[in-house]
N, C-alpha and C. Protein backbone atom coordinates (compact mmCIF):
# COMPACT_ATOMS: atom_id res chain seq x y z
N MET A 1 -10.39 2.27 3.58
CA MET A 1 -9.81 3.60 3.66
C MET A 1 -10.92 4.38 3.59
N GLN A 2 -11.87 4.32 2.35
CA GLN A 2 -12.75 5.30 2.13
C GLN A 2 -13.86 5.19 3.00
N PHE A 3 -13.96 4.30 3.80
CA PHE A 3 -15.00 4.26 4.94
C PHE A 3 -14.61 5.19 5.79
N VAL A 4 -13.31 5.02 6.51
CA VAL A 4 -12.87 5.66 7.67
C VAL A 4 -12.77 7.20 6.89
N LEU A 5 -12.40 7.69 5.99
CA LEU A 5 -12.23 9.14 5.18
C LEU A 5 -13.68 9.81 5.39
N GLN A 6 -14.56 8.66 4.97
CA GLN A 6 -16.25 9.44 4.81
C GLN A 6 -16.33 9.62 6.39
N ALA A 7 -16.25 8.77 7.36
CA ALA A 7 -16.64 8.90 8.87
C ALA A 7 -15.89 10.24 9.31
N LEU A 8 -14.83 10.51 8.78
CA LEU A 8 -13.99 11.64 9.57
C LEU A 8 -14.87 13.21 8.89
N GLU A 9 -15.15 12.91 7.57
CA GLU A 9 -15.39 14.11 6.74
C GLU A 9 -16.95 14.36 7.52
N MET A 10 -17.69 13.30 7.93
CA MET A 10 -19.17 13.43 8.31
C MET A 10 -19.03 13.85 9.81
N GLN A 11 -17.95 13.81 10.70
CA GLN A 11 -17.81 13.99 11.81
C GLN A 11 -17.20 15.68 11.79
N LYS A 12 -16.46 16.05 11.00
CA LYS A 12 -16.23 17.52 10.79
C LYS A 12 -15.11 17.73 9.47
N PRO A 13 -15.62 18.38 8.73
CA PRO A 13 -15.08 18.44 7.10
C PRO A 13 -13.59 18.85 7.48
N HIS A 14 -12.71 18.45 6.59
CA HIS A 14 -11.30 18.92 6.59
C HIS A 14 -10.94 20.23 6.68
N ALA A 15 -11.74 21.37 6.01
CA ALA A 15 -11.48 22.49 6.07
C ALA A 15 -11.82 23.13 6.90
N GLN A 16 -12.64 22.36 8.38
CA GLN A 16 -12.97 23.23 9.04
C GLN A 16 -11.89 22.29 10.58
N ARG A 17 -11.28 21.81 10.22
CA ARG A 17 -10.55 21.08 11.52
C ARG A 17 -9.23 21.95 11.82
N SER A 18 -8.91 22.10 13.02
CA SER A 18 -7.69 22.74 13.45
C SER A 18 -6.49 21.91 13.24
N TRP A 19 -5.06 22.59 13.45
CA TRP A 19 -4.07 22.16 12.95
C TRP A 19 -3.90 20.51 14.03
N VAL A 20 -4.35 20.64 15.05
CA VAL A 20 -4.35 19.61 16.23
C VAL A 20 -5.13 18.59 15.64
N GLU A 21 -6.18 18.95 15.18
CA GLU A 21 -7.39 17.88 14.76
C GLU A 21 -6.70 17.14 13.50
N LEU A 22 -6.18 17.96 12.60
CA LEU A 22 -5.57 17.39 11.55
C LEU A 22 -4.61 16.34 11.77
N SER A 23 -3.80 16.85 12.53
CA SER A 23 -2.34 16.00 13.07
C SER A 23 -2.84 14.38 13.44
N GLU A 24 -4.03 14.71 14.41
CA GLU A 24 -4.55 13.39 14.89
C GLU A 24 -5.03 12.63 14.02
N MET A 25 -5.80 13.33 13.04
CA MET A 25 -6.38 12.58 11.93
C MET A 25 -5.52 11.91 10.88
N MET A 26 -4.41 12.71 10.63
CA MET A 26 -3.30 12.08 9.61
C MET A 26 -2.54 10.85 10.42
N ASN A 27 -2.43 10.78 11.86
CA ASN A 27 -2.04 9.62 12.63
C ASN A 27 -2.77 8.76 12.22
N LEU A 28 -4.02 8.77 12.26
CA LEU A 28 -5.26 7.63 12.23
C LEU A 28 -5.02 7.14 10.97
N LEU A 29 -4.89 8.02 9.80
CA LEU A 29 -5.00 7.39 8.51
C LEU A 29 -3.64 6.86 8.34
N ILE A 30 -2.42 7.18 8.55
CA ILE A 30 -1.33 6.63 8.30
C ILE A 30 -1.41 5.26 9.11
N THR A 31 -1.92 5.16 10.45
CA THR A 31 -1.59 4.01 11.15
C THR A 31 -2.88 2.79 10.64
N HIS A 32 -3.90 3.41 9.88
CA HIS A 32 -4.61 2.54 9.21
C HIS A 32 -3.90 1.90 7.96
N CYS A 33 -3.44 3.07 7.47
CA CYS A 33 -2.66 2.49 5.90
C CYS A 33 -1.73 1.41 6.21
N ALA A 34 -0.99 1.49 7.68
CA ALA A 34 0.19 0.71 7.86
C ALA A 34 -0.67 -0.72 7.95
N VAL A 35 -1.73 -0.42 8.78
CA VAL A 35 -2.34 -1.89 9.18
C VAL A 35 -2.96 -2.53 7.77
N MET A 36 -3.34 -1.97 6.94
CA MET A 36 -3.82 -2.39 5.51
C MET A 36 -2.59 -2.88 4.64
N VAL A 37 -1.53 -2.22 4.66
CA VAL A 37 -0.49 -2.85 4.12
C VAL A 37 0.21 -4.06 4.71
N ALA A 38 0.39 -4.08 5.85
CA ALA A 38 1.03 -4.92 6.71
C ALA A 38 -0.08 -6.40 6.60
N GLY A 39 -1.22 -6.17 6.42
CA GLY A 39 -2.28 -7.23 6.38
C GLY A 39 -2.19 -7.82 4.73
N GLY A 40 -1.50 -7.15 3.89
CA GLY A 40 -1.40 -7.85 2.67
C GLY A 40 -2.65 -7.20 1.66
N HIS A 41 -3.28 -6.43 2.36
CA HIS A 41 -4.69 -6.12 1.52
C HIS A 41 -4.45 -5.17 0.19
N HIS A 42 -3.64 -4.20 0.48
CA HIS A 42 -3.50 -2.87 -0.39
C HIS A 42 -1.90 -2.57 -0.35
N SER A 43 -1.59 -1.74 -1.34
CA SER A 43 -0.16 -1.04 -1.54
C SER A 43 -0.45 0.00 -0.72
N GLY A 44 0.68 0.74 -0.29
CA GLY A 44 0.88 2.24 0.24
C GLY A 44 0.11 3.17 -0.68
N ALA A 45 0.25 3.10 -1.84
CA ALA A 45 -0.48 4.23 -2.66
C ALA A 45 -1.72 3.84 -2.93
N GLN A 46 -2.30 2.44 -2.95
CA GLN A 46 -3.79 2.43 -2.97
C GLN A 46 -4.53 2.78 -1.39
N THR A 47 -3.73 2.78 -0.61
CA THR A 47 -4.61 3.03 0.67
C THR A 47 -4.53 4.69 0.82
N LEU A 48 -3.42 5.28 0.18
CA LEU A 48 -3.23 6.74 0.58
C LEU A 48 -4.19 7.86 -0.63
N LEU A 49 -4.37 6.85 -1.73
CA LEU A 49 -5.24 7.66 -2.88
C LEU A 49 -6.62 8.18 -2.35
N PRO A 50 -7.22 7.37 -1.65
CA PRO A 50 -8.82 7.94 -1.37
C PRO A 50 -8.58 9.41 -0.27
N GLY A 51 -7.65 9.40 0.49
CA GLY A 51 -7.41 10.49 1.23
C GLY A 51 -7.20 11.78 0.46
N ARG A 52 -6.30 11.84 -0.52
CA ARG A 52 -6.01 12.99 -1.07
C ARG A 52 -7.37 14.00 -1.68
N LYS A 53 -8.13 13.57 -2.06
CA LYS A 53 -9.40 14.27 -2.49
C LYS A 53 -10.02 15.21 -1.54
N PRO A 54 -10.17 14.86 -0.11
CA PRO A 54 -10.71 15.78 0.73
C PRO A 54 -9.44 16.65 1.42
N GLY A 55 -8.42 16.37 1.23
CA GLY A 55 -7.26 16.95 1.72
C GLY A 55 -6.26 16.36 2.60
N TYR A 56 -6.64 15.00 3.14
CA TYR A 56 -5.75 14.35 3.89
C TYR A 56 -4.53 13.93 3.30
N LEU A 57 -3.30 14.01 3.79
CA LEU A 57 -2.13 13.42 3.08
C LEU A 57 -2.01 14.30 1.80
N SER A 58 -2.46 15.35 1.52
CA SER A 58 -2.17 15.88 0.17
C SER A 58 -0.64 16.72 -0.17
N ASN A 59 -0.11 16.68 1.05
CA ASN A 59 1.04 16.97 0.99
C ASN A 59 2.21 16.01 0.63
N LEU A 60 1.92 14.93 0.45
CA LEU A 60 2.33 13.73 -0.12
C LEU A 60 2.42 13.91 -1.60
N PRO A 61 3.33 13.31 -2.29
CA PRO A 61 3.70 13.41 -3.83
C PRO A 61 2.27 12.36 -4.27
N ASP A 62 1.66 12.81 -5.30
CA ASP A 62 0.97 11.69 -6.10
C ASP A 62 1.56 10.54 -6.47
N PRO A 63 1.02 9.36 -5.99
CA PRO A 63 1.96 8.36 -6.83
C PRO A 63 1.75 7.78 -8.06
N LEU A 64 0.46 8.12 -8.39
CA LEU A 64 0.19 7.99 -10.05
C LEU A 64 0.65 9.06 -10.80
N LYS A 65 0.87 10.21 -10.42
CA LYS A 65 1.60 11.25 -11.45
C LYS A 65 2.82 11.28 -11.53
N GLU A 66 3.63 11.11 -10.21
CA GLU A 66 5.02 10.89 -10.17
C GLU A 66 5.74 10.01 -9.97
N LYS A 67 6.86 9.48 -10.44
CA LYS A 67 7.43 8.12 -10.32
C LYS A 67 8.10 8.12 -9.07
N MET A 68 7.73 7.51 -8.05
CA MET A 68 8.16 7.62 -6.80
C MET A 68 8.47 6.25 -6.12
N ALA A 69 9.35 6.05 -5.86
CA ALA A 69 9.52 4.52 -5.05
C ALA A 69 8.86 4.32 -3.92
N THR A 70 8.33 3.22 -3.94
CA THR A 70 7.71 2.80 -2.45
C THR A 70 8.52 3.00 -1.44
N GLU A 71 9.85 3.05 -1.47
CA GLU A 71 10.90 3.19 -0.49
C GLU A 71 10.60 4.60 0.44
N THR A 72 10.73 5.45 -0.86
CA THR A 72 10.73 7.04 -0.62
C THR A 72 9.35 7.28 0.03
N LEU A 73 8.12 6.78 -0.46
CA LEU A 73 6.78 7.17 0.13
C LEU A 73 6.76 6.54 1.34
N CYS A 74 7.32 5.42 1.88
CA CYS A 74 7.32 4.78 3.30
C CYS A 74 8.28 5.70 4.17
N ARG A 75 9.31 6.37 3.76
CA ARG A 75 9.88 7.26 4.42
C ARG A 75 9.36 8.53 4.68
N GLN A 76 8.74 8.86 3.80
CA GLN A 76 7.77 9.93 4.06
C GLN A 76 6.64 9.78 5.13
N LEU A 77 6.01 8.85 4.99
CA LEU A 77 5.15 8.45 5.92
C LEU A 77 5.66 8.25 7.28
N MET A 78 6.63 7.85 7.32
CA MET A 78 7.41 7.70 8.76
C MET A 78 7.67 9.10 9.47
N CYS A 79 7.99 9.74 8.54
CA CYS A 79 8.38 11.26 9.30
C CYS A 79 7.25 12.08 9.63
N LEU A 80 5.92 11.73 8.55
CA LEU A 80 4.76 12.48 9.24
C LEU A 80 4.17 11.54 10.46
N TRP A 81 4.36 10.56 10.46
CA TRP A 81 3.78 9.68 11.84
C TRP A 81 4.51 10.08 13.13
N GLN A 82 5.90 10.45 12.80
CA GLN A 82 6.77 10.37 14.15
C GLN A 82 6.68 12.16 14.40
N THR A 83 6.09 12.83 13.52
CA THR A 83 5.77 14.41 14.15
C THR A 83 4.61 14.64 14.97
């Protein structure tokens, strides 16, 4: 996930992206997160944490600071992915 985020930031920083570009990047990150979790490599929280620093997925609650069930996190990701 860090490689994907670094590549996105090198192409164009988060702060300079339009809303359309941000939406496309969020879909890419959520899809990559789902693949990593489905493959058994990481949990949902582990894949999302690197994306919070540059601003991607920052509207989701921080799973390390807030007690949030995995089920709730998955619901919020599905809502983001469907928009």
